[in-house]
Amino acid sequence: MSSDITATGLEGAARQVPAPTALNRTPSWRRRKAFYNYLGLLPFMAFALFPLYIMLITSLKSDKEISNLSVSPFWATGITLDQYAYLAENTAFFQSWLPNTIIVALASTIISVSVGILAAYSLARLKFRGVEVFGIAVFITYLVPQPLLFIPLIDVVNFIDDFIPIRDTYWSLIITYPTFLTPFVIWLLLGYFKTIPVEVEECAYLDGCSRLGALFRVVLPMAMPGIICAVLFAFTLSWNEFLYSLVFIQAQEAKTIGVGVFTELIRGDVYYWGSLMAACFAGTLPIVVLYSFFMDYYVSGLTSGAIK
């Protein structure tokens, strides 16, 4: 009798094994929710990627196909790299424009972020008379339109040019770009530094660190997402800057991508659409690749700095 009961008990336990399958409905529900979330994002993704798609498709067409109104502009019937070959052979895109843009963006970003880190940390931690007024002044400086800034900056560049020849070189851009990048970096990092507990620095002081030692060994590693976010923003702003480049640069070998495309690929009311789209796509691609690698830090830097 006991063996029957045992067998029955084992069989009953075996029959009850499939019962937990009801819990497996949760992952499928989550998958459906994720599917609908991605489905809702598709229109926004299409809206954001549509300009890149048009630039790519147009750059892969021949001039004859671009001017043919009977052909749809949304796809290419024949793929060719003639537009990129035109950029390489008949313009200074790869020889000067792209290298100059990279040099100016990197140099101005390094200067702006370095100064911005020290200034933002000082405003967030140091207590001195007028600290709040100084913080507001930095924010107001960021709001000043660039057309108002480049007028006095012309005098600054001319004054420096009397001693060091920087006019009509990318050095004039490296000097002037931080005037609008640094206030933005300070404003962005100020909120992020305030989210870091002061007690962490006090522990570093007890271990023998100076204020600068605590900044470089403790605060900066904790603020790395915000710093990377500031670097991405500063690099993007300097990469896309147009007004200062147009004002301070006239020499062909010193032009950046924005000015080179505008002055060389647009002649009056004549637009060289094929090479123009090829230059725009080639100039946009480095920024897209940069953001794709650091997207997690970018989002983390924005969200963490918004909450104290």
C-alpha atoms as a PDB file:
ATOM      1  CA  MET A   1       0.000   0.000   0.000  1.00  0.00           C
ATOM      2  CA  SER A   2       2.760   2.385   0.881  1.00  0.00           C
ATOM      3  CA  SER A   3       4.457   1.747  -2.431  1.00  0.00           C
ATOM      4  CA  ASP A   4       1.235   2.611  -4.275  1.00  0.00           C
ATOM      5  CA  ILE A   5       0.875   5.790  -2.303  1.00  0.00           C
ATOM      6  CA  THR A   6       4.454   6.634  -3.040  1.00  0.00           C
ATOM      7  CA  ALA A   7       4.021   5.946  -6.705  1.00  0.00           C
ATOM      8  CA  THR A   8       0.832   7.921  -6.749  1.00  0.00           C
ATOM      9  CA  GLY A   9       2.580  10.755  -5.005  1.00  0.00           C
ATOM     10  CA  LEU A  10       5.407  10.689  -7.486  1.00  0.00           C
ATOM     11  CA  GLU A  11       2.987  10.580 -10.391  1.00  0.00           C
ATOM     12  CA  GLY A  12       1.043  13.451  -8.890  1.00  0.00           C
ATOM     13  CA  ALA A  13       4.233  15.414  -8.495  1.00  0.00           C
ATOM     14  CA  ALA A  14       5.127  14.602 -12.078  1.00  0.00           C
ATOM     15  CA  ARG A  15       1.748  15.788 -13.255  1.00  0.00           C
ATOM     16  CA  GLN A  16       2.137  19.032 -11.323  1.00  0.00           C
ATOM     17  CA  VAL A  17       5.451  19.913 -12.996  1.00  0.00           C
ATOM     18  CA  PRO A  18       3.858  21.695 -15.970  1.00  0.00           C
ATOM     19  CA  ALA A  19       1.928  23.956 -13.578  1.00  0.00           C
ATOM     20  CA  PRO A  20       4.715  26.614 -13.329  1.00  0.00           C
ATOM     21  CA  THR A  21       4.407  27.160 -17.070  1.00  0.00           C
ATOM     22  CA  ALA A  22       1.837  29.808 -16.182  1.00  0.00           C
ATOM     23  CA  LEU A  23       4.755  31.915 -14.983  1.00  0.00           C
ATOM     24  CA  ASN A  24       6.268  31.777 -18.450  1.00  0.00           C
ATOM     25  CA  ARG A  25       3.574  34.112 -19.718  1.00  0.00           C
ATOM     26  CA  THR A  26       5.424  37.076 -18.218  1.00  0.00           C
ATOM     27  CA  PRO A  27       8.400  36.961 -20.615  1.00  0.00           C
ATOM     28  CA  SER A  28       6.064  36.710 -23.597  1.00  0.00           C
ATOM     29  CA  TRP A  29       4.102  39.697 -22.283  1.00  0.00           C
ATOM     30  CA  ARG A  30       7.320  41.621 -21.922  1.00  0.00           C
ATOM     31  CA  ARG A  31       8.307  40.676 -25.442  1.00  0.00           C
ATOM     32  CA  ARG A  32       4.993  41.949 -26.752  1.00  0.00           C
ATOM     33  CA  LYS A  33       5.414  45.166 -24.796  1.00  0.00           C
ATOM     34  CA  ALA A  34       8.925  45.637 -26.182  1.00  0.00           C
ATOM     35  CA  PHE A  35       7.605  44.957 -29.680  1.00  0.00           C
ATOM     36  CA  TYR A  36       4.923  47.639 -29.353  1.00  0.00           C
ATOM     37  CA  ASN A  37       7.457  50.062 -27.876  1.00  0.00           C
ATOM     38  CA  TYR A  38       9.791  49.595 -30.830  1.00  0.00           C
ATOM     39  CA  LEU A  39       6.834  49.792 -33.179  1.00  0.00           C
ATOM     40  CA  GLY A  40       5.924  53.165 -31.696  1.00  0.00           C
ATOM     41  CA  LEU A  41       9.508  54.363 -32.158  1.00  0.00           C
ATOM     42  CA  LEU A  42       9.608  53.473 -35.848  1.00  0.00           C
ATOM     43  CA  PRO A  43       7.993  56.747 -37.049  1.00  0.00           C
ATOM     44  CA  PHE A  44      10.475  58.809 -35.032  1.00  0.00           C
ATOM     45  CA  MET A  45      13.417  56.711 -36.264  1.00  0.00           C
ATOM     46  CA  ALA A  46      12.232  57.098 -39.850  1.00  0.00           C
ATOM     47  CA  PHE A  47      11.890  60.856 -39.361  1.00  0.00           C
ATOM     48  CA  ALA A  48      15.407  61.119 -37.871  1.00  0.00           C
ATOM     49  CA  LEU A  49      17.129  58.857 -40.407  1.00  0.00           C
ATOM     50  CA  PHE A  50      15.305  60.115 -43.496  1.00  0.00           C
ATOM     51  CA  PRO A  51      17.770  62.995 -44.179  1.00  0.00           C
ATOM     52  CA  LEU A  52      20.718  60.589 -43.955  1.00  0.00           C
ATOM     53  CA  TYR A  53      18.945  58.198 -46.312  1.00  0.00           C
ATOM     54  CA  ILE A  54      18.272  60.945 -48.869  1.00  0.00           C
ATOM     55  CA  MET A  55      21.886  62.139 -48.668  1.00  0.00           C
ATOM     56  CA  LEU A  56      23.197  58.605 -49.186  1.00  0.00           C
ATOM     57  CA  ILE A  57      20.845  57.764 -52.066  1.00  0.00           C
ATOM     58  CA  THR A  58      21.474  61.065 -53.853  1.00  0.00           C
ATOM     59  CA  SER A  59      25.248  60.741 -53.450  1.00  0.00           C
ATOM     60  CA  LEU A  60      25.131  57.327 -55.151  1.00  0.00           C
ATOM     61  CA  LYS A  61      23.346  58.650 -58.251  1.00  0.00           C
ATOM     62  CA  SER A  62      24.829  60.082 -61.411  1.00  0.00           C
ATOM     63  CA  ASP A  63      24.173  63.705 -62.364  1.00  0.00           C
ATOM     64  CA  LYS A  64      21.976  62.524 -65.230  1.00  0.00           C
ATOM     65  CA  GLU A  65      19.777  60.470 -62.922  1.00  0.00           C
ATOM     66  CA  ILE A  66      19.525  63.292 -60.387  1.00  0.00           C
ATOM     67  CA  SER A  67      18.308  65.739 -63.045  1.00  0.00           C
ATOM     68  CA  ASN A  68      15.825  63.197 -64.466  1.00  0.00           C
ATOM     69  CA  LEU A  69      12.481  64.163 -62.914  1.00  0.00           C
ATOM     70  CA  SER A  70      10.833  60.915 -64.029  1.00  0.00           C
ATOM     71  CA  VAL A  71      13.064  58.912 -61.654  1.00  0.00           C
ATOM     72  CA  SER A  72      11.986  58.648 -58.018  1.00  0.00           C
ATOM     73  CA  PRO A  73      14.282  60.539 -55.641  1.00  0.00           C
ATOM     74  CA  PHE A  74      13.865  57.876 -52.942  1.00  0.00           C
ATOM     75  CA  TRP A  75      16.000  55.159 -54.561  1.00  0.00           C
ATOM     76  CA  ALA A  76      18.759  54.833 -57.123  1.00  0.00           C
ATOM     77  CA  THR A  77      18.405  52.854 -60.338  1.00  0.00           C
ATOM     78  CA  GLY A  78      22.159  52.709 -60.813  1.00  0.00           C
ATOM     79  CA  ILE A  79      24.758  53.029 -58.061  1.00  0.00           C
ATOM     80  CA  THR A  80      27.920  54.995 -58.781  1.00  0.00           C
ATOM     81  CA  LEU A  81      30.717  56.549 -56.732  1.00  0.00           C
ATOM     82  CA  ASP A  82      31.339  59.374 -59.186  1.00  0.00           C
ATOM     83  CA  GLN A  83      30.197  62.014 -56.691  1.00  0.00           C
ATOM     84  CA  TYR A  84      32.761  60.904 -54.106  1.00  0.00           C
ATOM     85  CA  ALA A  85      35.402  60.735 -56.831  1.00  0.00           C
ATOM     86  CA  TYR A  86      34.525  64.327 -57.738  1.00  0.00           C
ATOM     87  CA  LEU A  87      35.055  65.366 -54.111  1.00  0.00           C
ATOM     88  CA  ALA A  88      38.455  63.689 -54.038  1.00  0.00           C
ATOM     89  CA  GLU A  89      39.676  64.982 -57.404  1.00  0.00           C
ATOM     90  CA  ASN A  90      38.103  68.422 -57.830  1.00  0.00           C
ATOM     91  CA  THR A  91      37.732  69.730 -54.286  1.00  0.00           C
ATOM     92  CA  ALA A  92      39.869  69.858 -51.146  1.00  0.00           C
ATOM     93  CA  PHE A  93      37.341  67.893 -49.087  1.00  0.00           C
ATOM     94  CA  PHE A  94      39.606  65.011 -48.098  1.00  0.00           C
ATOM     95  CA  GLN A  95      42.854  66.971 -48.415  1.00  0.00           C
ATOM     96  CA  SER A  96      41.980  70.039 -46.316  1.00  0.00           C
ATOM     97  CA  TRP A  97      38.344  70.440 -45.281  1.00  0.00           C
ATOM     98  CA  LEU A  98      37.984  67.189 -43.335  1.00  0.00           C
ATOM     99  CA  PRO A  99      41.419  67.313 -41.612  1.00  0.00           C
ATOM    100  CA  ASN A 100      40.924  70.979 -40.674  1.00  0.00           C
ATOM    101  CA  THR A 101      37.497  70.221 -39.210  1.00  0.00           C
ATOM    102  CA  ILE A 102      38.881  67.343 -37.153  1.00  0.00           C
ATOM    103  CA  ILE A 103      41.813  69.417 -35.853  1.00  0.00           C
ATOM    104  CA  VAL A 104      39.651  72.405 -34.943  1.00  0.00           C
ATOM    105  CA  ALA A 105      36.951  70.270 -33.311  1.00  0.00           C
ATOM    106  CA  LEU A 106      39.427  68.256 -31.239  1.00  0.00           C
ATOM    107  CA  ALA A 107      41.503  71.250 -30.125  1.00  0.00           C
ATOM    108  CA  SER A 108      38.551  73.476 -29.243  1.00  0.00           C
ATOM    109  CA  THR A 109      36.820  70.598 -27.432  1.00  0.00           C
ATOM    110  CA  ILE A 110      39.911  69.828 -25.335  1.00  0.00           C
ATOM    111  CA  ILE A 111      40.333  73.490 -24.388  1.00  0.00           C
ATOM    112  CA  SER A 112      36.652  74.041 -23.616  1.00  0.00           C
ATOM    113  CA  VAL A 113      36.178  70.861 -21.581  1.00  0.00           C
ATOM    114  CA  SER A 114      39.400  71.392 -19.614  1.00  0.00           C
ATOM    115  CA  VAL A 115      38.445  74.941 -18.662  1.00  0.00           C
ATOM    116  CA  GLY A 116      34.797  73.962 -18.171  1.00  0.00           C
ATOM    117  CA  ILE A 117      35.634  71.169 -15.714  1.00  0.00           C
ATOM    118  CA  LEU A 118      37.665  73.469 -13.463  1.00  0.00           C
ATOM    119  CA  ALA A 119      35.106  76.283 -13.648  1.00  0.00           C
ATOM    120  CA  ALA A 120      32.086  74.028 -13.071  1.00  0.00           C
ATOM    121  CA  TYR A 121      33.758  72.307 -10.115  1.00  0.00           C
ATOM    122  CA  SER A 122      34.646  75.673  -8.585  1.00  0.00           C
ATOM    123  CA  LEU A 123      31.080  76.918  -8.915  1.00  0.00           C
ATOM    124  CA  ALA A 124      29.672  73.680  -7.489  1.00  0.00           C
ATOM    125  CA  ARG A 125      32.024  73.268  -4.520  1.00  0.00           C
ATOM    126  CA  LEU A 126      33.811  76.492  -3.613  1.00  0.00           C
ATOM    127  CA  LYS A 127      31.999  79.054  -1.500  1.00  0.00           C
ATOM    128  CA  PHE A 128      32.974  82.617  -2.274  1.00  0.00           C
ATOM    129  CA  ARG A 129      31.208  85.935  -2.581  1.00  0.00           C
ATOM    130  CA  GLY A 130      29.284  86.245  -5.838  1.00  0.00           C
ATOM    131  CA  VAL A 131      29.399  82.563  -6.795  1.00  0.00           C
ATOM    132  CA  GLU A 132      25.715  82.523  -7.744  1.00  0.00           C
ATOM    133  CA  VAL A 133      26.035  85.737  -9.743  1.00  0.00           C
ATOM    134  CA  PHE A 134      29.023  84.299 -11.571  1.00  0.00           C
ATOM    135  CA  GLY A 135      27.068  81.136 -12.393  1.00  0.00           C
ATOM    136  CA  ILE A 136      24.193  83.190 -13.792  1.00  0.00           C
ATOM    137  CA  ALA A 137      26.652  85.286 -15.816  1.00  0.00           C
ATOM    138  CA  VAL A 138      28.094  82.123 -17.369  1.00  0.00           C
ATOM    139  CA  PHE A 139      24.629  80.968 -18.368  1.00  0.00           C
ATOM    140  CA  ILE A 140      23.776  84.382 -19.843  1.00  0.00           C
ATOM    141  CA  THR A 141      27.029  84.284 -21.817  1.00  0.00           C
ATOM    142  CA  TYR A 142      25.912  80.983 -23.321  1.00  0.00           C
ATOM    143  CA  LEU A 143      22.641  82.610 -24.400  1.00  0.00           C
ATOM    144  CA  VAL A 144      24.360  85.472 -26.250  1.00  0.00           C
ATOM    145  CA  PRO A 145      23.882  84.947 -30.028  1.00  0.00           C
ATOM    146  CA  GLN A 146      27.029  84.196 -31.989  1.00  0.00           C
ATOM    147  CA  PRO A 147      26.463  87.065 -34.474  1.00  0.00           C
ATOM    148  CA  LEU A 148      26.965  89.441 -31.553  1.00  0.00           C
ATOM    149  CA  LEU A 149      30.152  87.723 -30.390  1.00  0.00           C
ATOM    150  CA  PHE A 150      32.083  87.488 -33.630  1.00  0.00           C
ATOM    151  CA  ILE A 151      32.161  91.300 -34.066  1.00  0.00           C
ATOM    152  CA  PRO A 152      34.473  91.929 -31.061  1.00  0.00           C
ATOM    153  CA  LEU A 153      36.261  88.642 -31.774  1.00  0.00           C
ATOM    154  CA  ILE A 154      37.421  90.079 -35.094  1.00  0.00           C
ATOM    155  CA  ASP A 155      39.333  92.740 -33.163  1.00  0.00           C
ATOM    156  CA  VAL A 156      40.783  90.065 -30.871  1.00  0.00           C
ATOM    157  CA  VAL A 157      41.989  87.984 -33.816  1.00  0.00           C
ATOM    158  CA  ASN A 158      43.459  91.062 -35.512  1.00  0.00           C
ATOM    159  CA  PHE A 159      45.254  92.038 -32.302  1.00  0.00           C
ATOM    160  CA  ILE A 160      46.790  88.571 -31.915  1.00  0.00           C
ATOM    161  CA  ASP A 161      47.655  88.520 -35.616  1.00  0.00           C
ATOM    162  CA  ASP A 162      49.915  91.530 -35.101  1.00  0.00           C
ATOM    163  CA  PHE A 163      52.187  89.303 -32.996  1.00  0.00           C
ATOM    164  CA  ILE A 164      51.390  85.779 -34.236  1.00  0.00           C
ATOM    165  CA  PRO A 165      50.001  85.211 -37.757  1.00  0.00           C
ATOM    166  CA  ILE A 166      46.721  83.397 -37.086  1.00  0.00           C
ATOM    167  CA  ARG A 167      44.410  85.220 -39.472  1.00  0.00           C
ATOM    168  CA  ASP A 168      43.015  83.007 -42.218  1.00  0.00           C
ATOM    169  CA  THR A 169      44.245  79.859 -40.447  1.00  0.00           C
ATOM    170  CA  TYR A 170      42.424  77.292 -38.356  1.00  0.00           C
ATOM    171  CA  TRP A 171      44.182  78.719 -35.285  1.00  0.00           C
ATOM    172  CA  SER A 172      41.760  81.633 -35.386  1.00  0.00           C
ATOM    173  CA  LEU A 173      38.923  79.103 -35.048  1.00  0.00           C
ATOM    174  CA  ILE A 174      40.638  77.223 -32.223  1.00  0.00           C
ATOM    175  CA  ILE A 175      40.879  80.516 -30.310  1.00  0.00           C
ATOM    176  CA  THR A 176      37.325  81.712 -30.987  1.00  0.00           C
ATOM    177  CA  TYR A 177      35.315  78.482 -30.695  1.00  0.00           C
ATOM    178  CA  PRO A 178      35.814  78.144 -26.903  1.00  0.00           C
ATOM    179  CA  THR A 179      34.007  81.473 -26.440  1.00  0.00           C
ATOM    180  CA  PHE A 180      30.676  79.727 -27.045  1.00  0.00           C
ATOM    181  CA  LEU A 181      31.688  76.161 -26.107  1.00  0.00           C
ATOM    182  CA  THR A 182      33.069  76.832 -22.620  1.00  0.00           C
ATOM    183  CA  PRO A 183      29.899  78.438 -21.147  1.00  0.00           C
ATOM    184  CA  PHE A 184      27.858  75.511 -22.425  1.00  0.00           C
ATOM    185  CA  VAL A 185      30.258  72.955 -20.918  1.00  0.00           C
ATOM    186  CA  ILE A 186      30.241  74.805 -17.582  1.00  0.00           C
ATOM    187  CA  TRP A 187      26.454  74.921 -17.527  1.00  0.00           C
ATOM    188  CA  LEU A 188      26.215  71.217 -18.378  1.00  0.00           C
ATOM    189  CA  LEU A 189      28.789  69.996 -15.845  1.00  0.00           C
ATOM    190  CA  LEU A 190      27.681  72.306 -13.048  1.00  0.00           C
ATOM    191  CA  GLY A 191      24.512  70.325 -12.454  1.00  0.00           C
ATOM    192  CA  TYR A 192      26.385  67.032 -12.702  1.00  0.00           C
ATOM    193  CA  PHE A 193      29.021  67.963 -10.117  1.00  0.00           C
ATOM    194  CA  LYS A 194      26.260  68.941  -7.703  1.00  0.00           C
ATOM    195  CA  THR A 195      24.897  65.375  -7.831  1.00  0.00           C
ATOM    196  CA  ILE A 196      28.164  63.951  -6.448  1.00  0.00           C
ATOM    197  CA  PRO A 197      28.035  63.777  -2.617  1.00  0.00           C
ATOM    198  CA  VAL A 198      30.428  66.060  -0.785  1.00  0.00           C
ATOM    199  CA  GLU A 199      31.122  63.247   1.694  1.00  0.00           C
ATOM    200  CA  VAL A 200      33.047  61.375  -1.002  1.00  0.00           C
ATOM    201  CA  GLU A 201      35.521  64.236  -1.274  1.00  0.00           C
ATOM    202  CA  GLU A 202      35.744  64.549   2.501  1.00  0.00           C
ATOM    203  CA  CYS A 203      36.809  60.906   2.693  1.00  0.00           C
ATOM    204  CA  ALA A 204      39.492  61.659   0.119  1.00  0.00           C
ATOM    205  CA  TYR A 205      40.703  64.572   2.255  1.00  0.00           C
ATOM    206  CA  LEU A 206      40.999  62.232   5.238  1.00  0.00           C
ATOM    207  CA  ASP A 207      43.154  59.925   3.125  1.00  0.00           C
ATOM    208  CA  GLY A 208      45.566  62.783   2.464  1.00  0.00           C
ATOM    209  CA  CYS A 209      44.330  64.091  -0.888  1.00  0.00           C
ATOM    210  CA  SER A 210      44.379  67.782  -1.662  1.00  0.00           C
ATOM    211  CA  ARG A 211      41.416  69.439  -3.326  1.00  0.00           C
ATOM    212  CA  LEU A 212      42.918  68.933  -6.775  1.00  0.00           C
ATOM    213  CA  GLY A 213      43.842  65.372  -5.833  1.00  0.00           C
ATOM    214  CA  ALA A 214      40.257  64.669  -4.801  1.00  0.00           C
ATOM    215  CA  LEU A 215      39.052  66.250  -8.026  1.00  0.00           C
ATOM    216  CA  PHE A 216      41.236  64.160 -10.325  1.00  0.00           C
ATOM    217  CA  ARG A 217      41.193  60.899  -8.355  1.00  0.00           C
ATOM    218  CA  VAL A 218      37.622  60.803  -7.045  1.00  0.00           C
ATOM    219  CA  VAL A 219      35.296  63.362  -8.601  1.00  0.00           C
ATOM    220  CA  LEU A 220      36.301  63.092 -12.256  1.00  0.00           C
ATOM    221  CA  PRO A 221      35.997  59.273 -12.406  1.00  0.00           C
ATOM    222  CA  MET A 222      32.521  59.537 -10.886  1.00  0.00           C
ATOM    223  CA  ALA A 223      31.585  62.336 -13.281  1.00  0.00           C
ATOM    224  CA  MET A 224      32.902  60.558 -16.375  1.00  0.00           C
ATOM    225  CA  PRO A 225      29.429  60.049 -17.978  1.00  0.00           C
ATOM    226  CA  GLY A 226      28.727  63.766 -17.676  1.00  0.00           C
ATOM    227  CA  ILE A 227      32.173  64.667 -19.002  1.00  0.00           C
ATOM    228  CA  ILE A 228      31.748  62.379 -22.014  1.00  0.00           C
ATOM    229  CA  CYS A 229      28.350  63.962 -22.637  1.00  0.00           C
ATOM    230  CA  ALA A 230      29.950  67.425 -22.531  1.00  0.00           C
ATOM    231  CA  VAL A 231      32.726  66.264 -24.879  1.00  0.00           C
ATOM    232  CA  LEU A 232      30.183  64.943 -27.376  1.00  0.00           C
ATOM    233  CA  PHE A 233      28.167  68.153 -27.282  1.00  0.00           C
ATOM    234  CA  ALA A 234      31.228  70.402 -27.591  1.00  0.00           C
ATOM    235  CA  PHE A 235      32.683  68.307 -30.408  1.00  0.00           C
ATOM    236  CA  THR A 236      29.380  68.347 -32.290  1.00  0.00           C
ATOM    237  CA  LEU A 237      28.924  72.101 -31.899  1.00  0.00           C
ATOM    238  CA  SER A 238      32.445  72.834 -33.102  1.00  0.00           C
ATOM    239  CA  TRP A 239      32.093  70.337 -35.971  1.00  0.00           C
ATOM    240  CA  ASN A 240      28.887  71.976 -37.207  1.00  0.00           C
ATOM    241  CA  GLU A 241      29.914  75.601 -36.608  1.00  0.00           C
ATOM    242  CA  PHE A 242      29.540  77.763 -39.698  1.00  0.00           C
ATOM    243  CA  LEU A 243      29.479  81.492 -38.926  1.00  0.00           C
ATOM    244  CA  TYR A 244      32.955  81.872 -37.396  1.00  0.00           C
ATOM    245  CA  SER A 245      34.473  79.689 -40.110  1.00  0.00           C
ATOM    246  CA  LEU A 246      32.866  81.821 -42.793  1.00  0.00           C
ATOM    247  CA  VAL A 247      34.072  85.076 -41.226  1.00  0.00           C
ATOM    248  CA  PHE A 248      37.639  84.143 -40.264  1.00  0.00           C
ATOM    249  CA  ILE A 249      38.579  81.740 -43.082  1.00  0.00           C
ATOM    250  CA  GLN A 250      38.943  82.603 -46.770  1.00  0.00           C
ATOM    251  CA  ALA A 251      41.938  80.512 -47.854  1.00  0.00           C
ATOM    252  CA  GLN A 252      41.071  77.270 -49.603  1.00  0.00           C
ATOM    253  CA  GLU A 253      43.558  75.210 -47.590  1.00  0.00           C
ATOM    254  CA  ALA A 254      42.196  76.460 -44.243  1.00  0.00           C
ATOM    255  CA  LYS A 255      38.463  75.921 -44.811  1.00  0.00           C
ATOM    256  CA  THR A 256      36.367  73.514 -42.781  1.00  0.00           C
ATOM    257  CA  ILE A 257      33.650  71.233 -44.139  1.00  0.00           C
ATOM    258  CA  GLY A 258      30.781  73.652 -43.553  1.00  0.00           C
ATOM    259  CA  VAL A 259      32.411  76.584 -45.312  1.00  0.00           C
ATOM    260  CA  GLY A 260      33.964  74.469 -48.050  1.00  0.00           C
ATOM    261  CA  VAL A 261      30.665  72.847 -48.990  1.00  0.00           C
ATOM    262  CA  PHE A 262      28.869  76.188 -48.954  1.00  0.00           C
ATOM    263  CA  THR A 263      31.415  78.125 -51.008  1.00  0.00           C
ATOM    264  CA  GLU A 264      32.647  75.462 -53.440  1.00  0.00           C
ATOM    265  CA  LEU A 265      29.623  73.248 -54.138  1.00  0.00           C
ATOM    266  CA  ILE A 266      27.022  76.019 -54.364  1.00  0.00           C
ATOM    267  CA  ARG A 267      27.666  78.606 -57.064  1.00  0.00           C
ATOM    268  CA  GLY A 268      25.012  81.301 -56.968  1.00  0.00           C
ATOM    269  CA  ASP A 269      21.728  79.554 -57.707  1.00  0.00           C
ATOM    270  CA  VAL A 270      23.431  76.427 -59.077  1.00  0.00           C
ATOM    271  CA  TYR A 271      23.520  73.487 -56.670  1.00  0.00           C
ATOM    272  CA  TYR A 272      25.753  70.520 -57.439  1.00  0.00           C
ATOM    273  CA  TRP A 273      23.376  68.136 -55.704  1.00  0.00           C
ATOM    274  CA  GLY A 274      25.340  64.933 -56.202  1.00  0.00           C
ATOM    275  CA  SER A 275      28.648  66.127 -54.804  1.00  0.00           C
ATOM    276  CA  LEU A 276      26.812  68.314 -52.284  1.00  0.00           C
ATOM    277  CA  MET A 277      24.972  65.324 -50.805  1.00  0.00           C
ATOM    278  CA  ALA A 278      28.156  63.244 -50.905  1.00  0.00           C
ATOM    279  CA  ALA A 279      30.000  65.907 -48.906  1.00  0.00           C
ATOM    280  CA  CYS A 280      27.124  66.244 -46.435  1.00  0.00           C
ATOM    281  CA  PHE A 281      26.923  62.483 -45.896  1.00  0.00           C
ATOM    282  CA  ALA A 282      30.694  62.109 -45.530  1.00  0.00           C
ATOM    283  CA  GLY A 283      30.752  65.040 -43.099  1.00  0.00           C
ATOM    284  CA  THR A 284      27.867  63.666 -41.033  1.00  0.00           C
ATOM    285  CA  LEU A 285      29.081  60.075 -40.813  1.00  0.00           C
ATOM    286  CA  PRO A 286      31.877  60.683 -38.224  1.00  0.00           C
ATOM    287  CA  ILE A 287      29.400  62.292 -35.819  1.00  0.00           C
ATOM    288  CA  VAL A 288      26.934  59.411 -36.247  1.00  0.00           C
ATOM    289  CA  VAL A 289      29.674  56.858 -35.563  1.00  0.00           C
ATOM    290  CA  LEU A 290      30.875  58.822 -32.530  1.00  0.00           C
ATOM    291  CA  TYR A 291      27.421  58.950 -30.962  1.00  0.00           C
ATOM    292  CA  SER A 292      26.779  55.268 -31.685  1.00  0.00           C
ATOM    293  CA  PHE A 293      29.846  54.302 -29.624  1.00  0.00           C
ATOM    294  CA  PHE A 294      29.140  56.616 -26.678  1.00  0.00           C
ATOM    295  CA  MET A 295      25.329  56.632 -26.643  1.00  0.00           C
ATOM    296  CA  ASP A 296      25.093  55.019 -23.184  1.00  0.00           C
ATOM    297  CA  TYR A 297      27.394  57.646 -21.653  1.00  0.00           C
ATOM    298  CA  TYR A 298      25.514  60.377 -23.483  1.00  0.00           C
ATOM    299  CA  VAL A 299      22.122  59.345 -22.080  1.00  0.00           C
ATOM    300  CA  SER A 300      23.554  58.711 -18.620  1.00  0.00           C
ATOM    301  CA  GLY A 301      25.236  62.111 -18.571  1.00  0.00           C
ATOM    302  CA  LEU A 302      22.034  63.912 -19.494  1.00  0.00           C
ATOM    303  CA  THR A 303      19.771  62.072 -17.040  1.00  0.00           C
ATOM    304  CA  SER A 304      22.153  61.983 -14.059  1.00  0.00           C
ATOM    305  CA  GLY A 305      22.941  65.670 -14.281  1.00  0.00           C
ATOM    306  CA  ALA A 306      19.254  66.537 -14.188  1.00  0.00           C
ATOM    307  CA  ILE A 307      18.618  64.928 -10.774  1.00  0.00           C
ATOM    308  CA  LYS A 308      20.243  65.901  -7.533  1.00  0.00           C
END
